[in-house]
Amino acid sequence: QVQLVESGGGLVQAGGSLRLSCAASTRTFGAYSMGWFRQTPGKEREFVGTISRSGGGTLYPDSVKGRFTISRDDAKNTVYLQMNSLKVEDTAVYYCAARRYGGTYYTTATEYDYWGQGTQVTVSS
């Protein structure tokens, strides 16, 4: 069982930046593909980005491409989501997720094995 703990959420003005962190409780963090999702009330969880094992590559949806960047530090068992040029529509609860092994990018929530508790990001106009 892997526990994921997100941090770094908060309130920011439109155009600002936030960096979310997700710390994993596993000694084999490098074996996990990591993803970020977000969710607003009444909507399904939305894919925000993913990073492959060992940071070999990243994938983002068009809605955040060029503004959000995912990185990982396997020595710290942590994945990050740097969010720049934030928009009001980025307001959501942000979740990190982990999938053990795998060889490609994973963009749907059902493909992930473990989830964090979420952190609220609120962007004001």
C-alpha atoms as a PDB file:
ATOM      1  CA  GLN A   1       0.000   0.000   0.000  1.00  0.00           C
ATOM      2  CA  VAL A   2       1.318   3.395  -0.998  1.00  0.00           C
ATOM      3  CA  GLN A   3       0.231   6.566   0.738  1.00  0.00           C
ATOM      4  CA  LEU A   4       0.305   9.830  -1.183  1.00  0.00           C
ATOM      5  CA  VAL A   5       0.148  13.196   0.539  1.00  0.00           C
ATOM      6  CA  GLU A   6      -0.375  16.379  -1.445  1.00  0.00           C
ATOM      7  CA  SER A   7       0.553  19.846  -0.256  1.00  0.00           C
ATOM      8  CA  GLY A   8       0.947  23.347  -1.622  1.00  0.00           C
ATOM      9  CA  GLY A   9      -2.611  24.241  -2.468  1.00  0.00           C
ATOM     10  CA  GLY A  10      -4.126  27.557  -1.583  1.00  0.00           C
ATOM     11  CA  LEU A  11      -5.615  30.796  -2.851  1.00  0.00           C
ATOM     12  CA  VAL A  12      -3.938  32.683  -5.675  1.00  0.00           C
ATOM     13  CA  GLN A  13      -4.922  35.454  -8.039  1.00  0.00           C
ATOM     14  CA  ALA A  14      -5.416  34.811 -11.715  1.00  0.00           C
ATOM     15  CA  GLY A  15      -2.090  34.931 -13.505  1.00  0.00           C
ATOM     16  CA  GLY A  16      -0.233  33.711 -10.456  1.00  0.00           C
ATOM     17  CA  SER A  17       1.616  30.495  -9.750  1.00  0.00           C
ATOM     18  CA  LEU A  18       1.502  27.621  -7.304  1.00  0.00           C
ATOM     19  CA  ARG A  19       3.580  24.498  -6.890  1.00  0.00           C
ATOM     20  CA  LEU A  20       1.945  21.375  -5.573  1.00  0.00           C
ATOM     21  CA  SER A  21       3.930  18.549  -4.056  1.00  0.00           C
ATOM     22  CA  CYS A  22       3.000  14.927  -3.578  1.00  0.00           C
ATOM     23  CA  ALA A  23       5.074  12.770  -1.254  1.00  0.00           C
ATOM     24  CA  ALA A  24       4.867   9.010  -1.550  1.00  0.00           C
ATOM     25  CA  SER A  25       5.472   6.449   1.189  1.00  0.00           C
ATOM     26  CA  THR A  26       7.333   3.842  -0.803  1.00  0.00           C
ATOM     27  CA  ARG A  27      10.953   2.798  -1.243  1.00  0.00           C
ATOM     28  CA  THR A  28      10.322   1.979  -4.886  1.00  0.00           C
ATOM     29  CA  PHE A  29       8.998   5.352  -5.995  1.00  0.00           C
ATOM     30  CA  GLY A  30      10.947   5.121  -9.230  1.00  0.00           C
ATOM     31  CA  ALA A  31       8.794   2.177 -10.277  1.00  0.00           C
ATOM     32  CA  TYR A  32       5.647   4.285 -10.326  1.00  0.00           C
ATOM     33  CA  SER A  33       4.184   6.384 -13.084  1.00  0.00           C
ATOM     34  CA  MET A  34       2.658   9.460 -11.478  1.00  0.00           C
ATOM     35  CA  GLY A  35      -0.304  11.552 -12.487  1.00  0.00           C
ATOM     36  CA  TRP A  36      -2.157  14.672 -11.452  1.00  0.00           C
ATOM     37  CA  PHE A  37      -5.907  15.095 -11.719  1.00  0.00           C
ATOM     38  CA  ARG A  38      -8.366  17.714 -10.587  1.00  0.00           C
ATOM     39  CA  GLN A  39     -12.030  17.703  -9.720  1.00  0.00           C
ATOM     40  CA  THR A  40     -14.770  20.252  -9.173  1.00  0.00           C
ATOM     41  CA  PRO A  41     -18.147  19.525  -7.566  1.00  0.00           C
ATOM     42  CA  GLY A  42     -20.465  17.558  -9.788  1.00  0.00           C
ATOM     43  CA  LYS A  43     -17.819  16.772 -12.364  1.00  0.00           C
ATOM     44  CA  GLU A  44     -15.630  13.796 -13.065  1.00  0.00           C
ATOM     45  CA  ARG A  45     -11.982  13.787 -12.202  1.00  0.00           C
ATOM     46  CA  GLU A  46     -10.039  15.527 -14.977  1.00  0.00           C
ATOM     47  CA  PHE A  47      -6.573  14.539 -16.174  1.00  0.00           C
ATOM     48  CA  VAL A  48      -4.008  17.300 -15.665  1.00  0.00           C
ATOM     49  CA  GLY A  49      -0.765  15.567 -16.528  1.00  0.00           C
ATOM     50  CA  THR A  50       1.447  12.549 -16.054  1.00  0.00           C
ATOM     51  CA  ILE A  51       5.118  11.734 -15.768  1.00  0.00           C
ATOM     52  CA  SER A  52       6.560   8.367 -16.605  1.00  0.00           C
ATOM     53  CA  ARG A  53       8.796   6.265 -14.422  1.00  0.00           C
ATOM     54  CA  SER A  54      12.217   7.798 -13.934  1.00  0.00           C
ATOM     55  CA  GLY A  55      10.920  11.048 -15.405  1.00  0.00           C
ATOM     56  CA  GLY A  56      11.394   9.879 -18.958  1.00  0.00           C
ATOM     57  CA  GLY A  57       8.576  11.941 -20.296  1.00  0.00           C
ATOM     58  CA  THR A  58       5.481  13.945 -19.553  1.00  0.00           C
ATOM     59  CA  LEU A  59       2.083  14.369 -21.138  1.00  0.00           C
ATOM     60  CA  TYR A  60      -0.474  17.128 -20.651  1.00  0.00           C
ATOM     61  CA  PRO A  61      -3.938  17.916 -21.954  1.00  0.00           C
ATOM     62  CA  ASP A  62      -4.358  21.001 -24.086  1.00  0.00           C
ATOM     63  CA  SER A  63      -6.116  22.803 -21.236  1.00  0.00           C
ATOM     64  CA  VAL A  64      -2.880  23.105 -19.237  1.00  0.00           C
ATOM     65  CA  LYS A  65      -0.151  22.553 -21.819  1.00  0.00           C
ATOM     66  CA  GLY A  66       2.432  25.296 -21.673  1.00  0.00           C
ATOM     67  CA  ARG A  67       1.264  26.441 -18.235  1.00  0.00           C
ATOM     68  CA  PHE A  68       1.695  23.354 -16.028  1.00  0.00           C
ATOM     69  CA  THR A  69       4.843  21.299 -15.589  1.00  0.00           C
ATOM     70  CA  ILE A  70       5.241  17.986 -13.801  1.00  0.00           C
ATOM     71  CA  SER A  71       8.570  16.890 -12.396  1.00  0.00           C
ATOM     72  CA  ARG A  72       9.736  14.244  -9.971  1.00  0.00           C
ATOM     73  CA  ASP A  73      12.543  13.754  -7.507  1.00  0.00           C
ATOM     74  CA  ASP A  74      12.929  10.033  -6.958  1.00  0.00           C
ATOM     75  CA  ALA A  75      15.462  10.592  -4.177  1.00  0.00           C
ATOM     76  CA  LYS A  76      12.748  12.433  -2.234  1.00  0.00           C
ATOM     77  CA  ASN A  77       9.861  10.181  -3.326  1.00  0.00           C
ATOM     78  CA  THR A  78       8.075  13.311  -4.483  1.00  0.00           C
ATOM     79  CA  VAL A  79       6.316  14.506  -7.603  1.00  0.00           C
ATOM     80  CA  TYR A  80       5.595  18.162  -8.276  1.00  0.00           C
ATOM     81  CA  LEU A  81       3.065  20.117 -10.279  1.00  0.00           C
ATOM     82  CA  GLN A  82       4.215  23.625 -11.138  1.00  0.00           C
ATOM     83  CA  MET A  83       1.234  25.714 -12.199  1.00  0.00           C
ATOM     84  CA  ASN A  84       1.827  29.053 -13.892  1.00  0.00           C
ATOM     85  CA  SER A  85      -0.500  31.602 -15.484  1.00  0.00           C
ATOM     86  CA  LEU A  86      -3.342  30.262 -13.417  1.00  0.00           C
ATOM     87  CA  LYS A  87      -6.897  30.893 -14.527  1.00  0.00           C
ATOM     88  CA  VAL A  88     -10.129  31.011 -12.563  1.00  0.00           C
ATOM     89  CA  GLU A  89     -11.171  27.801 -14.313  1.00  0.00           C
ATOM     90  CA  ASP A  90      -8.178  26.003 -12.789  1.00  0.00           C
ATOM     91  CA  THR A  91      -9.967  26.151  -9.434  1.00  0.00           C
ATOM     92  CA  ALA A  92     -10.432  22.577  -8.205  1.00  0.00           C
ATOM     93  CA  VAL A  93      -9.260  19.961  -5.768  1.00  0.00           C
ATOM     94  CA  TYR A  94      -6.020  18.560  -7.130  1.00  0.00           C
ATOM     95  CA  TYR A  95      -5.079  14.925  -6.625  1.00  0.00           C
ATOM     96  CA  CYS A  96      -1.910  13.020  -7.297  1.00  0.00           C
ATOM     97  CA  ALA A  97      -2.040   9.373  -8.290  1.00  0.00           C
ATOM     98  CA  ALA A  98       0.403   6.522  -8.680  1.00  0.00           C
ATOM     99  CA  ARG A  99       0.502   3.509 -10.924  1.00  0.00           C
ATOM    100  CA  ARG A 100       2.997   0.743 -10.310  1.00  0.00           C
ATOM    101  CA  TYR A 101       5.097  -0.240 -13.316  1.00  0.00           C
ATOM    102  CA  GLY A 102       3.663   0.315 -16.752  1.00  0.00           C
ATOM    103  CA  GLY A 103       5.368   1.405 -19.918  1.00  0.00           C
ATOM    104  CA  THR A 104       3.492   4.379 -21.266  1.00  0.00           C
ATOM    105  CA  TYR A 105       1.445   7.374 -20.272  1.00  0.00           C
ATOM    106  CA  TYR A 106      -1.754   7.005 -18.297  1.00  0.00           C
ATOM    107  CA  THR A 107      -4.462   9.600 -18.700  1.00  0.00           C
ATOM    108  CA  THR A 108      -7.556   8.125 -17.080  1.00  0.00           C
ATOM    109  CA  ALA A 109      -8.295   7.848 -13.379  1.00  0.00           C
ATOM    110  CA  THR A 110      -9.079   4.141 -13.540  1.00  0.00           C
ATOM    111  CA  GLU A 111      -5.533   3.363 -14.659  1.00  0.00           C
ATOM    112  CA  TYR A 112      -4.049   4.479 -11.336  1.00  0.00           C
ATOM    113  CA  ASP A 113      -3.679   2.326  -8.245  1.00  0.00           C
ATOM    114  CA  TYR A 114      -3.215   4.858  -5.450  1.00  0.00           C
ATOM    115  CA  TRP A 115      -4.549   8.339  -4.725  1.00  0.00           C
ATOM    116  CA  GLY A 116      -3.809  11.182  -2.386  1.00  0.00           C
ATOM    117  CA  GLN A 117      -6.424  12.988  -0.335  1.00  0.00           C
ATOM    118  CA  GLY A 118      -6.391  16.083  -2.529  1.00  0.00           C
ATOM    119  CA  THR A 119      -5.454  19.713  -2.033  1.00  0.00           C
ATOM    120  CA  GLN A 120      -7.665  22.692  -2.836  1.00  0.00           C
ATOM    121  CA  VAL A 121      -6.511  25.244  -5.374  1.00  0.00           C
ATOM    122  CA  THR A 122      -8.596  28.392  -5.674  1.00  0.00           C
ATOM    123  CA  VAL A 123      -7.857  31.005  -8.311  1.00  0.00           C
ATOM    124  CA  SER A 124      -9.545  34.354  -7.827  1.00  0.00           C
ATOM    125  CA  SER A 125     -10.246  36.896 -10.541  1.00  0.00           C
END
